């Protein structure tokens, strides 16, 4: 992730204004949460919504385009509740 690279290259000079925490355990938690957003949230919520509402509109029927799959959108909408609850818990 770009934030890690910038922090590794310039973080020491920034002191309290660095992008990632100094403490290694907290840095690991930041990396875990970034991975969670990039992988799990995308797979279960944002990916299906973008695919159904945007990409399919611009694809031919042979490429899998057409009307949005309402079941996929409904599942993503239900999944977002769990993800938002987790974010709230954090």
PDB file of N, CA and C in Angstrom:
ATOM      1  N   UNK A   1       0.844  -1.169   0.000  1.00  0.00           N
ATOM      2  CA  UNK A   1       0.000   0.000   0.000  1.00  0.00           C
ATOM      3  C   UNK A   1       0.893   1.236   0.000  1.00  0.00           C
ATOM      4  N   UNK A   2       0.466   2.259  -0.659  1.00  0.00           N
ATOM      5  CA  UNK A   2       1.277   3.466  -0.835  1.00  0.00           C
ATOM      6  C   UNK A   2       1.554   4.158   0.497  1.00  0.00           C
ATOM      7  N   UNK A   3       0.603   4.102   1.424  1.00  0.00           N
ATOM      8  CA  UNK A   3       0.807   4.732   2.731  1.00  0.00           C
ATOM      9  C   UNK A   3       1.978   4.081   3.469  1.00  0.00           C
ATOM     10  N   UNK A   4       2.118   2.769   3.352  1.00  0.00           N
ATOM     11  CA  UNK A   4       3.234   2.075   3.992  1.00  0.00           C
ATOM     12  C   UNK A   4       4.565   2.520   3.394  1.00  0.00           C
ATOM     13  N   UNK A   5       4.619   2.598   2.078  1.00  0.00           N
ATOM     14  CA  UNK A   5       5.842   3.025   1.414  1.00  0.00           C
ATOM     15  C   UNK A   5       6.224   4.443   1.847  1.00  0.00           C
ATOM     16  N   UNK A   6       5.259   5.349   1.806  1.00  0.00           N
ATOM     17  CA  UNK A   6       5.551   6.731   2.202  1.00  0.00           C
ATOM     18  C   UNK A   6       5.965   6.823   3.661  1.00  0.00           C
ATOM     19  N   UNK A   7       5.315   6.039   4.520  1.00  0.00           N
ATOM     20  CA  UNK A   7       5.677   6.057   5.927  1.00  0.00           C
ATOM     21  C   UNK A   7       7.080   5.503   6.145  1.00  0.00           C
ATOM     22  N   UNK A   8       7.414   4.427   5.439  1.00  0.00           N
ATOM     23  CA  UNK A   8       8.756   3.857   5.575  1.00  0.00           C
ATOM     24  C   UNK A   8       9.831   4.820   5.079  1.00  0.00           C
ATOM     25  N   UNK A   9       9.537   5.547   4.005  1.00  0.00           N
ATOM     26  CA  UNK A   9      10.521   6.445   3.411  1.00  0.00           C
ATOM     27  C   UNK A   9      10.633   7.773   4.152  1.00  0.00           C
ATOM     28  N   UNK A  10       9.512   8.302   4.641  1.00  0.00           N
ATOM     29  CA  UNK A  10       9.510   9.660   5.182  1.00  0.00           C
ATOM     30  C   UNK A  10       8.936   9.770   6.591  1.00  0.00           C
ATOM     31  N   UNK A  11       8.471   8.673   7.164  1.00  0.00           N
ATOM     32  CA  UNK A  11       7.781   8.705   8.449  1.00  0.00           C
ATOM     33  C   UNK A  11       8.605   9.238   9.605  1.00  0.00           C
ATOM     34  N   UNK A  12       9.856   8.854   9.692  1.00  0.00           N
ATOM     35  CA  UNK A  12      10.696   9.299  10.812  1.00  0.00           C
ATOM     36  C   UNK A  12      10.810  10.813  10.865  1.00  0.00           C
ATOM     37  N   UNK A  13      10.895  11.444   9.701  1.00  0.00           N
ATOM     38  CA  UNK A  13      11.024  12.906   9.648  1.00  0.00           C
ATOM     39  C   UNK A  13       9.738  13.607  10.076  1.00  0.00           C
ATOM     40  N   UNK A  14       8.605  12.918   9.965  1.00  0.00           N
ATOM     41  CA  UNK A  14       7.314  13.539  10.259  1.00  0.00           C
ATOM     42  C   UNK A  14       6.911  13.462  11.727  1.00  0.00           C
ATOM     43  N   UNK A  15       7.607  12.639  12.492  1.00  0.00           N
ATOM     44  CA  UNK A  15       7.308  12.540  13.919  1.00  0.00           C
ATOM     45  C   UNK A  15       5.882  12.091  14.176  1.00  0.00           C
ATOM     46  N   UNK A  16       5.105  12.911  14.897  1.00  0.00           N
ATOM     47  CA  UNK A  16       3.727  12.564  15.245  1.00  0.00           C
ATOM     48  C   UNK A  16       2.771  12.657  14.067  1.00  0.00           C
ATOM     49  N   UNK A  17       3.212  13.171  12.945  1.00  0.00           N
ATOM     50  CA  UNK A  17       2.351  13.338  11.777  1.00  0.00           C
ATOM     51  C   UNK A  17       2.530  12.228  10.745  1.00  0.00           C
ATOM     52  N   UNK A  18       3.161  11.140  11.128  1.00  0.00           N
ATOM     53  CA  UNK A  18       3.363  10.061  10.168  1.00  0.00           C
ATOM     54  C   UNK A  18       2.039   9.381   9.833  1.00  0.00           C
ATOM     55  N   UNK A  19       2.026   8.640   8.743  1.00  0.00           N
ATOM     56  CA  UNK A  19       0.802   8.020   8.250  1.00  0.00           C
ATOM     57  C   UNK A  19       0.405   6.773   9.036  1.00  0.00           C
ATOM     58  N   UNK A  20       1.381   6.032   9.527  1.00  0.00           N
ATOM     59  CA  UNK A  20       1.111   4.821  10.291  1.00  0.00           C
ATOM     60  C   UNK A  20       1.649   4.989  11.708  1.00  0.00           C
ATOM     61  N   UNK A  21       1.062   4.289  12.669  1.00  0.00           N
ATOM     62  CA  UNK A  21       1.535   4.400  14.052  1.00  0.00           C
ATOM     63  C   UNK A  21       2.960   3.869  14.205  1.00  0.00           C
ATOM     64  N   UNK A  22       3.634   4.337  15.216  1.00  0.00           N
ATOM     65  CA  UNK A  22       5.001   3.861  15.496  1.00  0.00           C
ATOM     66  C   UNK A  22       4.994   2.447  16.074  1.00  0.00           C
ATOM     67  N   UNK A  23       4.038   2.158  16.939  1.00  0.00           N
ATOM     68  CA  UNK A  23       3.938   0.872  17.621  1.00  0.00           C
ATOM     69  C   UNK A  23       3.673  -0.242  16.608  1.00  0.00           C
ATOM     70  N   UNK A  24       4.461  -1.313  16.670  1.00  0.00           N
ATOM     71  CA  UNK A  24       4.366  -2.384  15.677  1.00  0.00           C
ATOM     72  C   UNK A  24       3.013  -3.101  15.725  1.00  0.00           C
ATOM     73  N   UNK A  25       2.479  -3.315  16.925  1.00  0.00           N
ATOM     74  CA  UNK A  25       1.187  -4.005  17.028  1.00  0.00           C
ATOM     75  C   UNK A  25       0.074  -3.176  16.371  1.00  0.00           C
ATOM     76  N   UNK A  26       0.128  -1.881  16.555  1.00  0.00           N
ATOM     77  CA  UNK A  26      -0.874  -1.001  15.954  1.00  0.00           C
ATOM     78  C   UNK A  26      -0.680  -0.920  14.445  1.00  0.00           C
ATOM     79  N   UNK A  27       0.562  -0.966  13.991  1.00  0.00           N
ATOM     80  CA  UNK A  27       0.835  -0.970  12.549  1.00  0.00           C
ATOM     81  C   UNK A  27       0.254  -2.230  11.899  1.00  0.00           C
ATOM     82  N   UNK A  28       0.386  -3.351  12.601  1.00  0.00           N
ATOM     83  CA  UNK A  28      -0.172  -4.605  12.090  1.00  0.00           C
ATOM     84  C   UNK A  28      -1.688  -4.498  11.988  1.00  0.00           C
ATOM     85  N   UNK A  29      -2.322  -3.883  12.981  1.00  0.00           N
ATOM     86  CA  UNK A  29      -3.775  -3.717  12.950  1.00  0.00           C
ATOM     87  C   UNK A  29      -4.201  -2.821  11.791  1.00  0.00           C
ATOM     88  N   UNK A  30      -3.433  -1.777  11.507  1.00  0.00           N
ATOM     89  CA  UNK A  30      -3.728  -0.909  10.361  1.00  0.00           C
ATOM     90  C   UNK A  30      -3.641  -1.712   9.070  1.00  0.00           C
ATOM     91  N   UNK A  31      -2.624  -2.535   8.950  1.00  0.00           N
ATOM     92  CA  UNK A  31      -2.481  -3.360   7.746  1.00  0.00           C
ATOM     93  C   UNK A  31      -3.622  -4.366   7.622  1.00  0.00           C
ATOM     94  N   UNK A  32      -4.036  -4.943   8.742  1.00  0.00           N
ATOM     95  CA  UNK A  32      -5.142  -5.903   8.731  1.00  0.00           C
ATOM     96  C   UNK A  32      -6.432  -5.238   8.261  1.00  0.00           C
ATOM     97  N   UNK A  33      -6.702  -4.042   8.791  1.00  0.00           N
ATOM     98  CA  UNK A  33      -7.919  -3.334   8.407  1.00  0.00           C
ATOM     99  C   UNK A  33      -7.884  -2.899   6.944  1.00  0.00           C
ATOM    100  N   UNK A  34      -6.734  -2.471   6.465  1.00  0.00           N
ATOM    101  CA  UNK A  34      -6.609  -2.110   5.042  1.00  0.00           C
ATOM    102  C   UNK A  34      -6.873  -3.325   4.172  1.00  0.00           C
ATOM    103  N   UNK A  35      -6.348  -4.464   4.560  1.00  0.00           N
ATOM    104  CA  UNK A  35      -6.577  -5.695   3.811  1.00  0.00           C
ATOM    105  C   UNK A  35      -8.052  -6.069   3.848  1.00  0.00           C
ATOM    106  N   UNK A  36      -8.683  -5.900   5.004  1.00  0.00           N
ATOM    107  CA  UNK A  36     -10.102  -6.218   5.146  1.00  0.00           C
ATOM    108  C   UNK A  36     -10.923  -5.359   4.187  1.00  0.00           C
ATOM    109  N   UNK A  37     -10.652  -4.050   4.139  1.00  0.00           N
ATOM    110  CA  UNK A  37     -11.388  -3.176   3.236  1.00  0.00           C
ATOM    111  C   UNK A  37     -11.113  -3.533   1.782  1.00  0.00           C
ATOM    112  N   UNK A  38      -9.854  -3.785   1.450  1.00  0.00           N
ATOM    113  CA  UNK A  38      -9.496  -4.081   0.062  1.00  0.00           C
ATOM    114  C   UNK A  38     -10.029  -5.417  -0.424  1.00  0.00           C
ATOM    115  N   UNK A  39     -10.114  -6.382   0.458  1.00  0.00           N
ATOM    116  CA  UNK A  39     -10.497  -7.731   0.043  1.00  0.00           C
ATOM    117  C   UNK A  39     -11.949  -8.070   0.385  1.00  0.00           C
ATOM    118  N   UNK A  40     -12.235  -8.181   1.654  1.00  0.00           N
ATOM    119  CA  UNK A  40     -13.554  -8.675   2.096  1.00  0.00           C
ATOM    120  C   UNK A  40     -14.687  -7.703   1.771  1.00  0.00           C
ATOM    121  N   UNK A  41     -14.536  -6.435   2.099  1.00  0.00           N
ATOM    122  CA  UNK A  41     -15.584  -5.461   1.819  1.00  0.00           C
ATOM    123  C   UNK A  41     -15.814  -5.342   0.309  1.00  0.00           C
ATOM    124  N   UNK A  42     -14.727  -5.341  -0.458  1.00  0.00           N
ATOM    125  CA  UNK A  42     -14.870  -5.265  -1.907  1.00  0.00           C
ATOM    126  C   UNK A  42     -15.572  -6.506  -2.450  1.00  0.00           C
ATOM    127  N   UNK A  43     -15.161  -7.675  -1.989  1.00  0.00           N
ATOM    128  CA  UNK A  43     -15.732  -8.929  -2.486  1.00  0.00           C
ATOM    129  C   UNK A  43     -17.220  -9.047  -2.175  1.00  0.00           C
ATOM    130  N   UNK A  44     -17.639  -8.601  -0.999  1.00  0.00           N
ATOM    131  CA  UNK A  44     -19.001  -8.837  -0.551  1.00  0.00           C
ATOM    132  C   UNK A  44     -19.948  -7.658  -0.732  1.00  0.00           C
ATOM    133  N   UNK A  45     -19.412  -6.444  -0.916  1.00  0.00           N
ATOM    134  CA  UNK A  45     -20.295  -5.279  -0.980  1.00  0.00           C
ATOM    135  C   UNK A  45     -20.015  -4.411  -2.205  1.00  0.00           C
ATOM    136  N   UNK A  46     -18.909  -3.704  -2.193  1.00  0.00           N
ATOM    137  CA  UNK A  46     -18.683  -2.698  -3.242  1.00  0.00           C
ATOM    138  C   UNK A  46     -18.466  -3.321  -4.617  1.00  0.00           C
ATOM    139  N   UNK A  47     -17.788  -4.447  -4.700  1.00  0.00           N
ATOM    140  CA  UNK A  47     -17.564  -5.104  -5.986  1.00  0.00           C
ATOM    141  C   UNK A  47     -18.863  -5.485  -6.680  1.00  0.00           C
ATOM    142  N   UNK A  48     -19.743  -6.239  -5.994  1.00  0.00           N
ATOM    143  CA  UNK A  48     -21.008  -6.598  -6.635  1.00  0.00           C
ATOM    144  C   UNK A  48     -21.874  -5.384  -6.998  1.00  0.00           C
ATOM    145  N   UNK A  49     -21.902  -4.379  -6.140  1.00  0.00           N
ATOM    146  CA  UNK A  49     -22.721  -3.209  -6.446  1.00  0.00           C
ATOM    147  C   UNK A  49     -22.201  -2.465  -7.674  1.00  0.00           C
ATOM    148  N   UNK A  50     -20.893  -2.275  -7.742  1.00  0.00           N
ATOM    149  CA  UNK A  50     -20.317  -1.581  -8.902  1.00  0.00           C
ATOM    150  C   UNK A  50     -20.500  -2.403 -10.169  1.00  0.00           C
ATOM    151  N   UNK A  51     -20.288  -3.708 -10.054  1.00  0.00           N
ATOM    152  CA  UNK A  51     -20.440  -4.583 -11.221  1.00  0.00           C
ATOM    153  C   UNK A  51     -21.885  -4.535 -11.736  1.00  0.00           C
ATOM    154  N   UNK A  52     -22.840  -4.671 -10.848  1.00  0.00           N
ATOM    155  CA  UNK A  52     -24.237  -4.732 -11.278  1.00  0.00           C
ATOM    156  C   UNK A  52     -24.782  -3.379 -11.737  1.00  0.00           C
ATOM    157  N   UNK A  53     -24.391  -2.305 -11.083  1.00  0.00           N
ATOM    158  CA  UNK A  53     -24.964  -1.001 -11.395  1.00  0.00           C
ATOM    159  C   UNK A  53     -24.189  -0.227 -12.459  1.00  0.00           C
ATOM    160  N   UNK A  54     -22.915  -0.536 -12.641  1.00  0.00           N
ATOM    161  CA  UNK A  54     -22.123   0.246 -13.589  1.00  0.00           C
ATOM    162  C   UNK A  54     -21.578  -0.595 -14.737  1.00  0.00           C
ATOM    163  N   UNK A  55     -20.763  -1.589 -14.430  1.00  0.00           N
ATOM    164  CA  UNK A  55     -20.081  -2.341 -15.475  1.00  0.00           C
ATOM    165  C   UNK A  55     -21.043  -3.039 -16.427  1.00  0.00           C
ATOM    166  N   UNK A  56     -22.083  -3.689 -15.893  1.00  0.00           N
ATOM    167  CA  UNK A  56     -23.002  -4.435 -16.750  1.00  0.00           C
ATOM    168  C   UNK A  56     -23.707  -3.528 -17.750  1.00  0.00           C
ATOM    169  N   UNK A  57     -23.857  -2.272 -17.392  1.00  0.00           N
ATOM    170  CA  UNK A  57     -24.487  -1.305 -18.277  1.00  0.00           C
ATOM    171  C   UNK A  57     -23.666  -1.079 -19.545  1.00  0.00           C
ATOM    172  N   UNK A  58     -22.355  -1.200 -19.430  1.00  0.00           N
ATOM    173  CA  UNK A  58     -21.443  -0.901 -20.527  1.00  0.00           C
ATOM    174  C   UNK A  58     -20.897  -2.153 -21.208  1.00  0.00           C
ATOM    175  N   UNK A  59     -21.430  -3.314 -20.851  1.00  0.00           N
ATOM    176  CA  UNK A  59     -20.977  -4.571 -21.432  1.00  0.00           C
ATOM    177  C   UNK A  59     -22.039  -5.106 -22.382  1.00  0.00           C
ATOM    178  N   UNK A  60     -21.582  -5.842 -23.375  1.00  0.00           N
ATOM    179  CA  UNK A  60     -22.534  -6.504 -24.271  1.00  0.00           C
ATOM    180  C   UNK A  60     -23.097  -7.742 -23.559  1.00  0.00           C
ATOM    181  N   UNK A  61     -24.172  -8.283 -24.106  1.00  0.00           N
ATOM    182  CA  UNK A  61     -24.764  -9.487 -23.521  1.00  0.00           C
ATOM    183  C   UNK A  61     -23.763 -10.643 -23.531  1.00  0.00           C
ATOM    184  N   UNK A  62     -22.932 -10.710 -24.553  1.00  0.00           N
ATOM    185  CA  UNK A  62     -21.917 -11.759 -24.646  1.00  0.00           C
ATOM    186  C   UNK A  62     -20.841 -11.638 -23.582  1.00  0.00           C
ATOM    187  N   UNK A  63     -20.650 -10.432 -23.088  1.00  0.00           N
ATOM    188  CA  UNK A  63     -19.650 -10.205 -22.036  1.00  0.00           C
ATOM    189  C   UNK A  63     -20.257 -10.336 -20.639  1.00  0.00           C
ATOM    190  N   UNK A  64     -21.546 -10.590 -20.569  1.00  0.00           N
ATOM    191  CA  UNK A  64     -22.212 -10.707 -19.272  1.00  0.00           C
ATOM    192  C   UNK A  64     -22.982  -9.466 -18.877  1.00  0.00           C
ATOM    193  N   UNK A  65     -23.138  -8.546 -19.808  1.00  0.00           N
ATOM    194  CA  UNK A  65     -23.863  -7.313 -19.530  1.00  0.00           C
ATOM    195  C   UNK A  65     -25.360  -7.518 -19.541  1.00  0.00           C
ATOM    196  N   UNK A  66     -26.063  -6.445 -19.307  1.00  0.00           N
ATOM    197  CA  UNK A  66     -27.517  -6.507 -19.303  1.00  0.00           C
ATOM    198  C   UNK A  66     -28.075  -5.872 -18.054  1.00  0.00           C
ATOM    199  N   UNK A  67     -29.242  -6.306 -17.676  1.00  0.00           N
ATOM    200  CA  UNK A  67     -29.897  -5.768 -16.487  1.00  0.00           C
ATOM    201  C   UNK A  67     -29.156  -6.195 -15.230  1.00  0.00           C
ATOM    202  N   UNK A  68     -29.192  -5.348 -14.208  1.00  0.00           N
ATOM    203  CA  UNK A  68     -28.551  -5.716 -12.940  1.00  0.00           C
ATOM    204  C   UNK A  68     -29.210  -6.952 -12.329  1.00  0.00           C
ATOM    205  N   UNK A  69     -28.414  -7.768 -11.707  1.00  0.00           N
ATOM    206  CA  UNK A  69     -28.902  -8.943 -10.993  1.00  0.00           C
ATOM    207  C   UNK A  69     -29.395  -8.486  -9.624  1.00  0.00           C
ATOM    208  N   UNK A  70     -30.709  -8.440  -9.452  1.00  0.00           N
ATOM    209  CA  UNK A  70     -31.260  -7.922  -8.201  1.00  0.00           C
ATOM    210  C   UNK A  70     -30.908  -8.796  -7.003  1.00  0.00           C
ATOM    211  N   UNK A  71     -30.732 -10.087  -7.209  1.00  0.00           N
ATOM    212  CA  UNK A  71     -30.326 -10.956  -6.100  1.00  0.00           C
ATOM    213  C   UNK A  71     -28.926 -10.602  -5.610  1.00  0.00           C
ATOM    214  N   UNK A  72     -28.015 -10.330  -6.537  1.00  0.00           N
ATOM    215  CA  UNK A  72     -26.654  -9.944  -6.159  1.00  0.00           C
ATOM    216  C   UNK A  72     -26.663  -8.600  -5.435  1.00  0.00           C
ATOM    217  N   UNK A  73     -27.475  -7.674  -5.902  1.00  0.00           N
ATOM    218  CA  UNK A  73     -27.555  -6.366  -5.254  1.00  0.00           C
ATOM    219  C   UNK A  73     -28.190  -6.474  -3.873  1.00  0.00           C
ATOM    220  N   UNK A  74     -29.194  -7.311  -3.738  1.00  0.00           N
ATOM    221  CA  UNK A  74     -29.844  -7.522  -2.443  1.00  0.00           C
ATOM    222  C   UNK A  74     -28.856  -8.152  -1.458  1.00  0.00           C
ATOM    223  N   UNK A  75     -28.075  -9.118  -1.923  1.00  0.00           N
ATOM    224  CA  UNK A  75     -27.080  -9.753  -1.056  1.00  0.00           C
ATOM    225  C   UNK A  75     -26.031  -8.740  -0.612  1.00  0.00           C
ATOM    226  N   UNK A  76     -25.574  -7.888  -1.538  1.00  0.00           N
ATOM    227  CA  UNK A  76     -24.585  -6.865  -1.183  1.00  0.00           C
ATOM    228  C   UNK A  76     -25.173  -5.885  -0.174  1.00  0.00           C
ATOM    229  N   UNK A  77     -26.433  -5.514  -0.363  1.00  0.00           N
ATOM    230  CA  UNK A  77     -27.083  -4.594   0.573  1.00  0.00           C
ATOM    231  C   UNK A  77     -27.199  -5.226   1.958  1.00  0.00           C
ATOM    232  N   UNK A  78     -27.511  -6.506   2.014  1.00  0.00           N
ATOM    233  CA  UNK A  78     -27.565  -7.190   3.314  1.00  0.00           C
ATOM    234  C   UNK A  78     -26.182  -7.305   3.931  1.00  0.00           C
ATOM    235  N   UNK A  79     -25.179  -7.584   3.106  1.00  0.00           N
ATOM    236  CA  UNK A  79     -23.813  -7.718   3.619  1.00  0.00           C
ATOM    237  C   UNK A  79     -23.289  -6.410   4.199  1.00  0.00           C
ATOM    238  N   UNK A  80     -23.678  -5.289   3.614  1.00  0.00           N
ATOM    239  CA  UNK A  80     -23.138  -4.016   4.088  1.00  0.00           C
ATOM    240  C   UNK A  80     -23.552  -3.748   5.529  1.00  0.00           C
ATOM    241  N   UNK A  81     -24.687  -4.266   5.941  1.00  0.00           N
ATOM    242  CA  UNK A  81     -25.123  -4.080   7.331  1.00  0.00           C
ATOM    243  C   UNK A  81     -24.110  -4.675   8.309  1.00  0.00           C
ATOM    244  N   UNK A  82     -23.628  -5.867   7.993  1.00  0.00           N
ATOM    245  CA  UNK A  82     -22.644  -6.523   8.862  1.00  0.00           C
ATOM    246  C   UNK A  82     -21.317  -5.765   8.849  1.00  0.00           C
ATOM    247  N   UNK A  83     -20.930  -5.297   7.684  1.00  0.00           N
ATOM    248  CA  UNK A  83     -19.668  -4.565   7.578  1.00  0.00           C
ATOM    249  C   UNK A  83     -19.737  -3.234   8.311  1.00  0.00           C
ATOM    250  N   UNK A  84     -20.853  -2.524   8.177  1.00  0.00           N
ATOM    251  CA  UNK A  84     -20.996  -1.253   8.885  1.00  0.00           C
ATOM    252  C   UNK A  84     -21.059  -1.461  10.389  1.00  0.00           C
ATOM    253  N   UNK A  85     -21.685  -2.549  10.827  1.00  0.00           N
ATOM    254  CA  UNK A  85     -21.717  -2.865  12.260  1.00  0.00           C
ATOM    255  C   UNK A  85     -20.300  -3.123  12.768  1.00  0.00           C
ATOM    256  N   UNK A  86     -19.498  -3.811  11.962  1.00  0.00           N
ATOM    257  CA  UNK A  86     -18.105  -4.064  12.357  1.00  0.00           C
ATOM    258  C   UNK A  86     -17.310  -2.773  12.441  1.00  0.00           C
ATOM    259  N   UNK A  87     -17.500  -1.902  11.455  1.00  0.00           N
ATOM    260  CA  UNK A  87     -16.809  -0.611  11.466  1.00  0.00           C
ATOM    261  C   UNK A  87     -17.226   0.175  12.702  1.00  0.00           C
ATOM    262  N   UNK A  88     -18.518   0.163  13.015  1.00  0.00           N
ATOM    263  CA  UNK A  88     -19.005   0.853  14.215  1.00  0.00           C
ATOM    264  C   UNK A  88     -18.408   0.268  15.482  1.00  0.00           C
ATOM    265  N   UNK A  89     -18.256  -1.043  15.528  1.00  0.00           N
ATOM    266  CA  UNK A  89     -17.664  -1.701  16.689  1.00  0.00           C
ATOM    267  C   UNK A  89     -16.206  -1.303  16.867  1.00  0.00           C
ATOM    268  N   UNK A  90     -15.501  -1.152  15.733  1.00  0.00           N
ATOM    269  CA  UNK A  90     -14.086  -0.751  15.805  1.00  0.00           C
ATOM    270  C   UNK A  90     -13.964   0.629  16.407  1.00  0.00           C
TER     271      UNK A  90
END
